[in-house]
Amino acid sequence: MEISRKLFVAAVVAGIGSIGVSSGALAQEQVIKIGHIGPVSGPQAHFGKDDENGVRMAIEDLNAKGMEIGGKKIKFEIVAEDDGADPKQGTAASQKLCDQKVAGAVTFVNSGVAIPSSKVFHDCGIPMITGAATNPDLTKPGWDTTYRVIANDNALGAALANYTAKTLGLKQVAVVDDRTPYGQGIASVYKRDLEKLGVKVVANEFTNDKATDFMAILTSIKAKKPQAIFYGGMYGQAGPMLRQMAQLGMNDVKMFGGDGMCVPELAKVAAGAKTLENVVCADGGSSIEKMPGGIEWKKRYDEKYPGQFQVYSPYFYDGVMLLADAMKRANSWDPKVYIPFLQKSDYQGVTSHIRFEANGEMKDPTYTLSKFVDGKKTAIDVK
């Protein structure tokens, strides 16, 4: 009995000692939180989940490599929030990340969410990088907390206008937008550049980002005999619009659009409509096959997240890597210390060689025009 008691006490003391050693080891590990906000619920959930996957994959890769900053071993963690593609929900989520003291955020699909949320991050001094929100107004304030690693709508709208006028030689086009900052933004750039090239805009209509019935708009447009329709909005509306164009016999009318509809999911939402063959859309950045590290990265992504890839996740991956690279060079995860290093980034990422202008826009951004061949998104022009 006495021997058992002694053995028990010895075991407890040994356990306490080992706990103490473990605690001491953990004390040397610094957790750095990286935020992500996106529409992981609702009709744009395919985008939000894809982007969040990119952030998670980058964090896993960083933790696998191991990193030391200021003499401490770093462990990165994601703090993920859902914005439901809603500006109010997005700004509330941004404030939540600020309150949780994330060191940086790689975030936002929608410009309508990103623009007001960028002020929240600016006011709390935390840098945010977007790999998807493309409205040029996002970087107009010139804040040192706002960065974009993808071409903005000025580049995408101009590319589509040039394709319309110069490559296809079209003369009459209709324009429809969903009245969001993203949809209106890219549609207005396209229309402006199109008219400069001598193409007539025969109709200028609008809908909203929740609509699914476009028969009245399309019937009105059809009477004006456009050769193409430009849609400023997301794939969730572009798909039903393509189906209804087919129902109205508009099988010879092209449909143009930006990155919001330029995703593999468009083919599913279009549900076999022949008009899908008439789509030409623009993405900021290169196709995955043309990215410096795209093919190998996509292979790893598909192994982790089969069937979930859309378009933006490699940009969100690079966004996390940019933050980590700036922290490493600054030898600090304090935003006040590492933001100047982020501004001076010269980073070879999966997507491209990333450097920033003074306002947080990328230097020399690329774009890709794509169409759908046998239901699959296929690049046709890269710059």
Protein backbone atom coordinates (compact mmCIF):
# COMPACT_ATOMS: atom_id res chain seq x y z
CA MET A 1 0.00 0.00 0.00
CA GLU A 2 2.77 2.44 0.98
CA ILE A 3 4.76 1.52 -2.11
CA SER A 4 1.73 2.16 -4.34
CA ARG A 5 1.22 5.57 -2.74
CA LYS A 6 4.86 6.52 -3.34
CA LEU A 7 4.64 5.37 -6.94
CA PHE A 8 1.45 7.42 -7.39
CA VAL A 9 3.06 10.57 -5.93
CA ALA A 10 6.14 10.09 -8.09
CA ALA A 11 3.97 9.72 -11.17
CA VAL A 12 2.07 12.92 -10.37
CA VAL A 13 5.30 14.87 -9.79
CA ALA A 14 6.69 13.56 -13.07
CA GLY A 15 3.49 14.60 -14.82
CA ILE A 16 3.66 18.10 -13.36
CA GLY A 17 7.27 18.37 -14.45
CA SER A 18 6.44 17.35 -17.97
CA ILE A 19 3.55 19.84 -18.07
CA GLY A 20 5.94 22.56 -17.00
CA VAL A 21 8.35 21.72 -19.79
CA SER A 22 5.53 21.67 -22.33
CA SER A 23 4.23 25.03 -21.15
CA GLY A 24 7.70 26.49 -21.42
CA ALA A 25 7.98 25.23 -24.99
CA LEU A 26 4.58 26.63 -25.90
CA ALA A 27 5.52 29.99 -24.46
CA GLN A 28 8.13 30.30 -27.20
CA GLU A 29 5.49 29.85 -29.92
CA GLN A 30 3.81 33.02 -31.19
CA VAL A 31 0.35 32.67 -32.72
CA ILE A 32 -0.33 35.15 -35.54
CA LYS A 33 -3.92 35.46 -36.68
CA ILE A 34 -4.75 36.09 -40.34
CA GLY A 35 -8.33 37.10 -41.15
CA HIS A 36 -10.52 36.07 -44.04
CA ILE A 37 -14.01 37.39 -44.81
CA GLY A 38 -16.05 36.17 -47.75
CA PRO A 39 -19.50 35.00 -48.85
CA VAL A 40 -19.29 31.42 -47.60
CA SER A 41 -23.09 31.25 -47.48
CA GLY A 42 -25.69 32.27 -50.05
CA PRO A 43 -25.55 32.28 -53.86
CA GLN A 44 -21.86 33.31 -54.01
CA ALA A 45 -20.68 30.62 -51.59
CA HIS A 46 -18.62 28.91 -54.32
CA PHE A 47 -16.44 32.03 -54.46
CA GLY A 48 -16.20 32.47 -50.70
CA LYS A 49 -15.26 28.87 -49.97
CA ASP A 50 -12.70 28.79 -52.77
CA ASP A 51 -11.02 31.93 -51.44
CA GLU A 52 -11.04 30.68 -47.87
CA ASN A 53 -9.45 27.44 -49.09
CA GLY A 54 -6.63 29.51 -50.61
CA VAL A 55 -6.01 31.24 -47.28
CA ARG A 56 -6.08 27.95 -45.37
CA MET A 57 -3.71 26.30 -47.83
CA ALA A 58 -1.19 29.15 -47.47
CA ILE A 59 -1.36 28.97 -43.68
CA GLU A 60 -0.81 25.20 -43.76
CA ASP A 61 2.21 25.66 -46.04
CA LEU A 62 3.71 28.37 -43.84
CA ASN A 63 3.26 26.30 -40.70
CA ALA A 64 4.77 23.24 -42.40
CA LYS A 65 7.89 25.24 -43.32
CA GLY A 66 8.23 26.83 -39.90
CA MET A 67 9.11 30.48 -39.48
CA GLU A 68 10.83 32.48 -36.77
CA ILE A 69 10.26 36.17 -36.19
CA GLY A 70 11.90 38.06 -33.34
CA GLY A 71 13.36 34.83 -31.97
CA LYS A 72 9.98 33.13 -31.67
CA LYS A 73 8.57 30.22 -33.60
CA ILE A 74 5.51 31.42 -35.51
CA LYS A 75 2.24 29.59 -35.86
CA PHE A 76 -0.30 31.15 -38.22
CA GLU A 77 -4.03 30.71 -37.64
CA ILE A 78 -7.02 31.71 -39.75
CA VAL A 79 -9.90 33.72 -38.32
CA ALA A 80 -12.71 33.21 -40.83
CA GLU A 81 -15.96 35.17 -41.09
CA ASP A 82 -18.95 35.11 -43.46
CA ASP A 83 -20.08 38.36 -45.09
CA GLY A 84 -22.95 36.87 -47.10
CA ALA A 85 -21.98 39.33 -49.89
CA ASP A 86 -23.64 42.02 -47.75
CA PRO A 87 -21.86 45.32 -46.93
CA LYS A 88 -23.33 45.61 -43.41
CA GLN A 89 -22.39 42.06 -42.54
CA GLY A 90 -18.96 42.61 -44.05
CA THR A 91 -18.15 45.76 -42.10
CA ALA A 92 -19.34 44.09 -38.88
CA ALA A 93 -17.09 41.12 -39.63
CA SER A 94 -14.19 43.51 -40.32
CA GLN A 95 -14.65 45.17 -36.96
CA LYS A 96 -14.74 41.73 -35.36
CA LEU A 97 -11.36 40.90 -36.89
CA CYS A 98 -10.00 44.21 -35.62
CA ASP A 99 -11.26 43.42 -32.13
CA GLN A 100 -9.60 40.00 -32.31
CA LYS A 101 -6.35 41.74 -33.23
CA VAL A 102 -5.59 39.87 -36.42
CA ALA A 103 -2.21 40.85 -37.84
CA GLY A 104 -3.61 41.18 -41.36
CA ALA A 105 -6.51 40.09 -43.55
CA VAL A 106 -6.73 38.52 -47.01
CA THR A 107 -10.29 39.01 -47.90
CA PHE A 108 -13.42 40.02 -49.88
CA VAL A 109 -14.99 38.94 -53.15
CA ASN A 110 -17.38 41.85 -53.55
CA SER A 111 -16.31 45.45 -54.12
CA GLY A 112 -19.52 46.58 -52.43
CA VAL A 113 -18.32 44.87 -49.26
CA ALA A 114 -14.62 45.66 -49.67
CA ILE A 115 -14.95 49.43 -50.13
CA PRO A 116 -16.73 50.27 -46.84
CA SER A 117 -14.80 47.55 -44.98
CA SER A 118 -11.47 48.99 -46.11
CA LYS A 119 -12.16 52.03 -43.91
CA VAL A 120 -12.74 49.77 -40.91
CA PHE A 121 -9.35 48.14 -41.44
CA HIS A 122 -7.71 51.50 -42.07
CA ASP A 123 -9.11 52.93 -38.84
CA CYS A 124 -7.77 50.02 -36.81
CA GLY A 125 -4.43 50.02 -38.63
CA ILE A 126 -4.60 46.50 -40.06
CA PRO A 127 -3.59 45.80 -43.67
CA MET A 128 -6.08 44.03 -45.93
CA ILE A 129 -5.30 42.42 -49.27
CA THR A 130 -8.02 41.46 -51.74
CA GLY A 131 -7.57 38.96 -54.51
CA ALA A 132 -11.02 39.46 -56.03
CA ALA A 133 -12.69 42.85 -55.43
CA THR A 134 -11.98 44.84 -58.60
CA ASN A 135 -13.74 48.23 -58.41
CA PRO A 136 -11.06 50.95 -58.86
CA ASP A 137 -12.67 53.05 -56.11
CA LEU A 138 -11.26 50.65 -53.51
CA THR A 139 -7.77 52.15 -53.72
CA LYS A 140 -8.77 55.77 -54.39
CA PRO A 141 -8.17 56.88 -50.77
CA GLY A 142 -4.54 55.75 -51.09
CA TRP A 143 -4.48 54.15 -47.64
CA ASP A 144 -1.38 52.16 -46.72
CA THR A 145 -3.67 49.41 -45.38
CA THR A 146 -5.42 48.55 -48.68
CA TYR A 147 -3.87 46.30 -51.36
CA ARG A 148 -5.08 44.40 -54.43
CA VAL A 149 -3.24 41.50 -56.10
CA ILE A 150 -5.43 41.30 -59.21
CA ALA A 151 -6.21 43.63 -62.13
CA ASN A 152 -9.01 46.13 -61.47
CA ASP A 153 -12.07 46.88 -63.60
CA ASN A 154 -10.28 49.54 -65.64
CA ALA A 155 -8.13 46.80 -67.16
CA LEU A 156 -10.95 44.24 -67.52
CA GLY A 157 -13.51 46.64 -69.00
CA ALA A 158 -10.98 48.00 -71.49
CA ALA A 159 -9.92 44.48 -72.54
CA LEU A 160 -13.53 43.45 -73.22
CA ALA A 161 -14.29 46.68 -75.08
CA ASN A 162 -11.27 46.15 -77.33
CA TYR A 163 -12.30 42.56 -77.99
CA THR A 164 -15.84 43.66 -78.84
CA ALA A 165 -14.83 46.43 -81.23
CA LYS A 166 -11.50 45.38 -82.67
CA THR A 167 -11.46 41.58 -82.58
CA LEU A 168 -15.13 40.89 -83.32
CA GLY A 169 -15.97 44.16 -85.10
CA LEU A 170 -19.39 44.48 -83.45
CA LYS A 171 -21.34 47.71 -83.89
CA GLN A 172 -24.34 47.47 -81.54
CA VAL A 173 -24.26 46.31 -77.92
CA ALA A 174 -26.64 46.37 -74.93
CA VAL A 175 -25.39 46.87 -71.36
CA VAL A 176 -27.03 45.48 -68.20
CA ASP A 177 -25.71 45.77 -64.65
CA ASP A 178 -26.83 44.57 -61.22
CA ARG A 179 -26.51 47.98 -59.52
CA THR A 180 -23.80 46.79 -57.12
CA PRO A 181 -20.51 48.72 -56.92
CA TYR A 182 -18.87 45.83 -58.76
CA GLY A 183 -21.48 45.44 -61.49
CA GLN A 184 -21.95 49.14 -62.10
CA GLY A 185 -18.21 49.74 -61.98
CA ILE A 186 -17.17 47.26 -64.64
CA ALA A 187 -20.22 48.05 -66.82
CA SER A 188 -19.48 51.78 -66.79
CA VAL A 189 -15.82 51.21 -67.73
CA TYR A 190 -16.84 48.88 -70.56
CA LYS A 191 -19.48 51.29 -71.87
CA ARG A 192 -17.11 54.27 -71.70
CA ASP A 193 -14.33 52.48 -73.57
CA LEU A 194 -16.75 50.92 -76.04
CA GLU A 195 -18.20 54.28 -77.06
CA LYS A 196 -14.68 55.66 -77.50
CA LEU A 197 -14.16 52.88 -80.04
CA GLY A 198 -17.26 53.88 -81.99
CA VAL A 199 -19.60 51.08 -80.89
CA LYS A 200 -23.22 52.09 -80.24
CA VAL A 201 -24.84 51.15 -76.92
CA VAL A 202 -28.44 50.51 -78.01
CA ALA A 203 -29.80 49.76 -74.52
CA ASN A 204 -28.65 50.39 -70.95
CA GLU A 205 -30.69 48.37 -68.45
CA PHE A 206 -30.28 47.35 -64.83
CA THR A 207 -31.43 44.60 -62.47
CA ASN A 208 -30.30 43.53 -58.99
CA ASP A 209 -27.95 40.91 -57.60
CA LYS A 210 -30.80 38.68 -56.34
CA ALA A 211 -32.88 38.59 -59.55
CA THR A 212 -33.54 35.43 -61.56
CA ASP A 213 -36.21 36.61 -64.04
CA PHE A 214 -34.84 38.72 -66.88
CA MET A 215 -37.50 38.11 -69.53
CA ALA A 216 -38.85 41.68 -69.53
CA ILE A 217 -35.36 43.21 -69.81
CA LEU A 218 -34.28 40.76 -72.50
CA THR A 219 -37.47 41.20 -74.51
CA SER A 220 -36.93 44.96 -74.52
CA ILE A 221 -33.28 44.52 -75.51
CA LYS A 222 -34.07 41.99 -78.25
CA ALA A 223 -36.27 44.55 -80.04
CA LYS A 224 -33.20 46.82 -80.39
CA LYS A 225 -31.24 44.12 -82.21
CA PRO A 226 -27.91 44.15 -80.31
CA GLN A 227 -25.10 41.86 -81.44
CA ALA A 228 -24.03 41.37 -77.83
CA ILE A 229 -25.10 41.97 -74.24
CA PHE A 230 -22.60 43.01 -71.60
CA TYR A 231 -23.61 41.94 -68.09
CA GLY A 232 -22.03 43.61 -65.08
CA GLY A 233 -22.71 41.17 -62.26
CA MET A 234 -22.17 37.67 -60.92
CA TYR A 235 -22.57 34.17 -62.34
CA GLY A 236 -25.72 33.56 -60.25
CA GLN A 237 -27.62 36.01 -62.47
CA ALA A 238 -25.65 35.47 -65.69
CA GLY A 239 -26.67 31.79 -65.78
CA PRO A 240 -30.45 32.37 -65.74
CA MET A 241 -29.98 35.25 -68.18
CA LEU A 242 -28.27 32.89 -70.63
CA ARG A 243 -31.11 30.37 -70.31
CA GLN A 244 -33.71 33.05 -70.93
CA MET A 245 -31.79 34.42 -73.91
CA ALA A 246 -32.01 30.94 -75.42
CA GLN A 247 -35.75 30.81 -74.71
CA LEU A 248 -36.18 34.08 -76.57
CA GLY A 249 -34.23 32.80 -79.56
CA MET A 250 -31.24 35.09 -78.93
CA ASN A 251 -28.81 32.33 -79.86
CA ASP A 252 -26.65 34.55 -82.05
CA VAL A 253 -26.17 37.27 -79.41
CA LYS A 254 -22.83 37.31 -77.60
CA MET A 255 -22.64 37.80 -73.85
CA PHE A 256 -19.68 39.61 -72.32
CA GLY A 257 -18.87 40.00 -68.64
CA GLY A 258 -16.16 40.39 -66.03
CA ASP A 259 -14.66 38.08 -63.45
CA GLY A 260 -17.91 37.89 -61.45
CA MET A 261 -19.38 35.56 -64.06
CA CYS A 262 -16.11 34.16 -65.43
CA VAL A 263 -16.10 30.97 -63.37
CA PRO A 264 -16.61 27.24 -64.08
CA GLU A 265 -19.82 27.37 -62.03
CA LEU A 266 -21.43 29.51 -64.77
CA ALA A 267 -21.77 26.40 -66.93
CA LYS A 268 -23.76 24.64 -64.18
CA VAL A 269 -26.03 27.63 -63.56
CA ALA A 270 -26.61 28.05 -67.31
CA ALA A 271 -27.88 24.45 -67.24
CA GLY A 272 -27.05 23.44 -70.80
CA ALA A 273 -28.16 26.66 -72.51
CA LYS A 274 -26.67 26.88 -76.01
CA THR A 275 -25.98 30.57 -75.40
CA LEU A 276 -23.15 29.61 -73.02
CA GLU A 277 -21.09 29.12 -76.18
CA ASN A 278 -21.44 32.87 -76.87
CA VAL A 279 -19.88 33.99 -73.58
CA VAL A 280 -16.59 35.90 -73.54
CA CYS A 281 -15.48 36.97 -70.07
CA ALA A 282 -12.47 38.58 -68.42
CA ASP A 283 -10.47 37.64 -65.31
CA GLY A 284 -7.82 39.74 -63.66
CA GLY A 285 -4.57 37.78 -63.84
CA SER A 286 -3.40 34.84 -65.91
CA SER A 287 -5.18 31.54 -66.38
CA ILE A 288 -3.99 28.88 -63.95
CA GLU A 289 -1.97 27.24 -66.76
CA LYS A 290 -0.10 30.49 -67.44
CA MET A 291 0.65 31.40 -63.82
CA PRO A 292 4.30 30.91 -62.80
CA GLY A 293 3.40 28.28 -60.22
CA GLY A 294 -0.17 27.60 -61.28
CA ILE A 295 -0.17 24.02 -62.53
CA GLU A 296 1.64 22.51 -59.54
CA TRP A 297 -0.33 24.67 -57.09
CA LYS A 298 -3.66 23.65 -58.65
CA LYS A 299 -2.69 19.99 -58.39
CA ARG A 300 -2.11 20.39 -54.65
CA TYR A 301 -5.30 22.43 -54.26
CA ASP A 302 -7.41 19.78 -55.98
CA GLU A 303 -5.99 17.11 -53.67
CA LYS A 304 -7.01 19.13 -50.61
CA TYR A 305 -10.28 20.56 -51.92
CA PRO A 306 -11.53 18.39 -54.80
CA GLY A 307 -14.08 20.03 -57.07
CA GLN A 308 -14.04 23.38 -55.24
CA PHE A 309 -11.72 25.50 -57.39
CA GLN A 310 -13.32 28.58 -58.96
CA VAL A 311 -10.87 31.37 -59.83
CA TYR A 312 -9.56 33.54 -56.98
CA SER A 313 -8.03 31.09 -54.48
CA PRO A 314 -4.45 31.35 -55.83
CA TYR A 315 -4.61 35.14 -55.35
CA PHE A 316 -5.77 34.69 -51.76
CA TYR A 317 -2.97 32.18 -51.27
CA ASP A 318 -0.44 34.72 -52.53
CA GLY A 319 -2.00 37.40 -50.32
CA VAL A 320 -1.22 35.40 -47.18
CA MET A 321 2.31 34.72 -48.42
CA LEU A 322 2.81 38.45 -49.04
CA LEU A 323 1.85 39.25 -45.46
CA ALA A 324 4.20 36.59 -44.11
CA ASP A 325 7.02 37.77 -46.36
CA ALA A 326 6.62 41.38 -45.18
CA MET A 327 6.57 40.27 -41.54
CA LYS A 328 9.71 38.21 -42.05
CA ARG A 329 11.57 41.09 -43.68
CA ALA A 330 10.39 43.50 -40.98
CA ASN A 331 11.18 40.97 -38.23
CA SER A 332 7.81 41.87 -36.72
CA TRP A 333 4.13 40.92 -36.96
CA ASP A 334 3.09 44.35 -35.68
CA PRO A 335 1.24 46.06 -38.57
CA LYS A 336 2.76 49.45 -37.72
CA VAL A 337 6.21 47.92 -38.23
CA TYR A 338 5.65 45.65 -41.23
CA ILE A 339 3.27 47.75 -43.40
CA PRO A 340 6.20 49.76 -44.90
CA PHE A 341 7.75 46.42 -45.91
CA LEU A 342 4.46 45.27 -47.42
CA GLN A 343 4.35 48.45 -49.52
CA LYS A 344 7.81 47.60 -50.89
CA SER A 345 6.97 43.97 -51.71
CA ASP A 346 8.89 42.38 -54.55
CA TYR A 347 7.48 38.89 -54.35
CA GLN A 348 7.36 36.01 -56.80
CA GLY A 349 4.06 34.34 -56.10
CA VAL A 350 2.07 31.50 -57.58
CA THR A 351 0.02 33.98 -59.63
CA SER A 352 2.67 36.49 -60.72
CA HIS A 353 5.54 38.74 -59.69
CA ILE A 354 3.87 41.09 -57.23
CA ARG A 355 4.89 44.70 -56.63
CA PHE A 356 2.67 47.59 -55.61
CA GLU A 357 2.03 51.12 -56.76
CA ALA A 358 1.83 53.79 -54.06
CA ASN A 359 -1.96 53.39 -53.82
CA GLY A 360 -1.85 49.61 -53.27
CA GLU A 361 -2.64 48.57 -56.85
CA MET A 362 -0.43 46.02 -58.56
CA LYS A 363 2.24 47.14 -60.97
CA ASP A 364 1.79 45.59 -64.43
CA PRO A 365 -1.34 43.48 -63.74
CA THR A 366 -2.37 40.89 -66.32
CA TYR A 367 -5.79 39.76 -67.51
CA THR A 368 -7.26 36.76 -69.32
CA LEU A 369 -10.20 36.53 -71.71
CA SER A 370 -12.02 33.19 -71.72
CA LYS A 371 -14.91 31.40 -73.38
CA PHE A 372 -16.71 28.14 -72.64
CA VAL A 373 -15.90 25.17 -74.84
CA ASP A 374 -18.00 22.04 -74.24
CA GLY A 375 -19.03 23.59 -70.93
CA LYS A 376 -15.46 24.19 -69.76
CA LYS A 377 -13.91 27.60 -69.21
CA THR A 378 -11.07 27.98 -71.73
CA ALA A 379 -8.58 30.86 -72.05
CA ILE A 380 -8.46 32.58 -75.44
CA ASP A 381 -6.30 35.65 -74.77
CA VAL A 382 -3.82 36.52 -72.05
CA LYS A 383 -2.01 39.80 -71.49
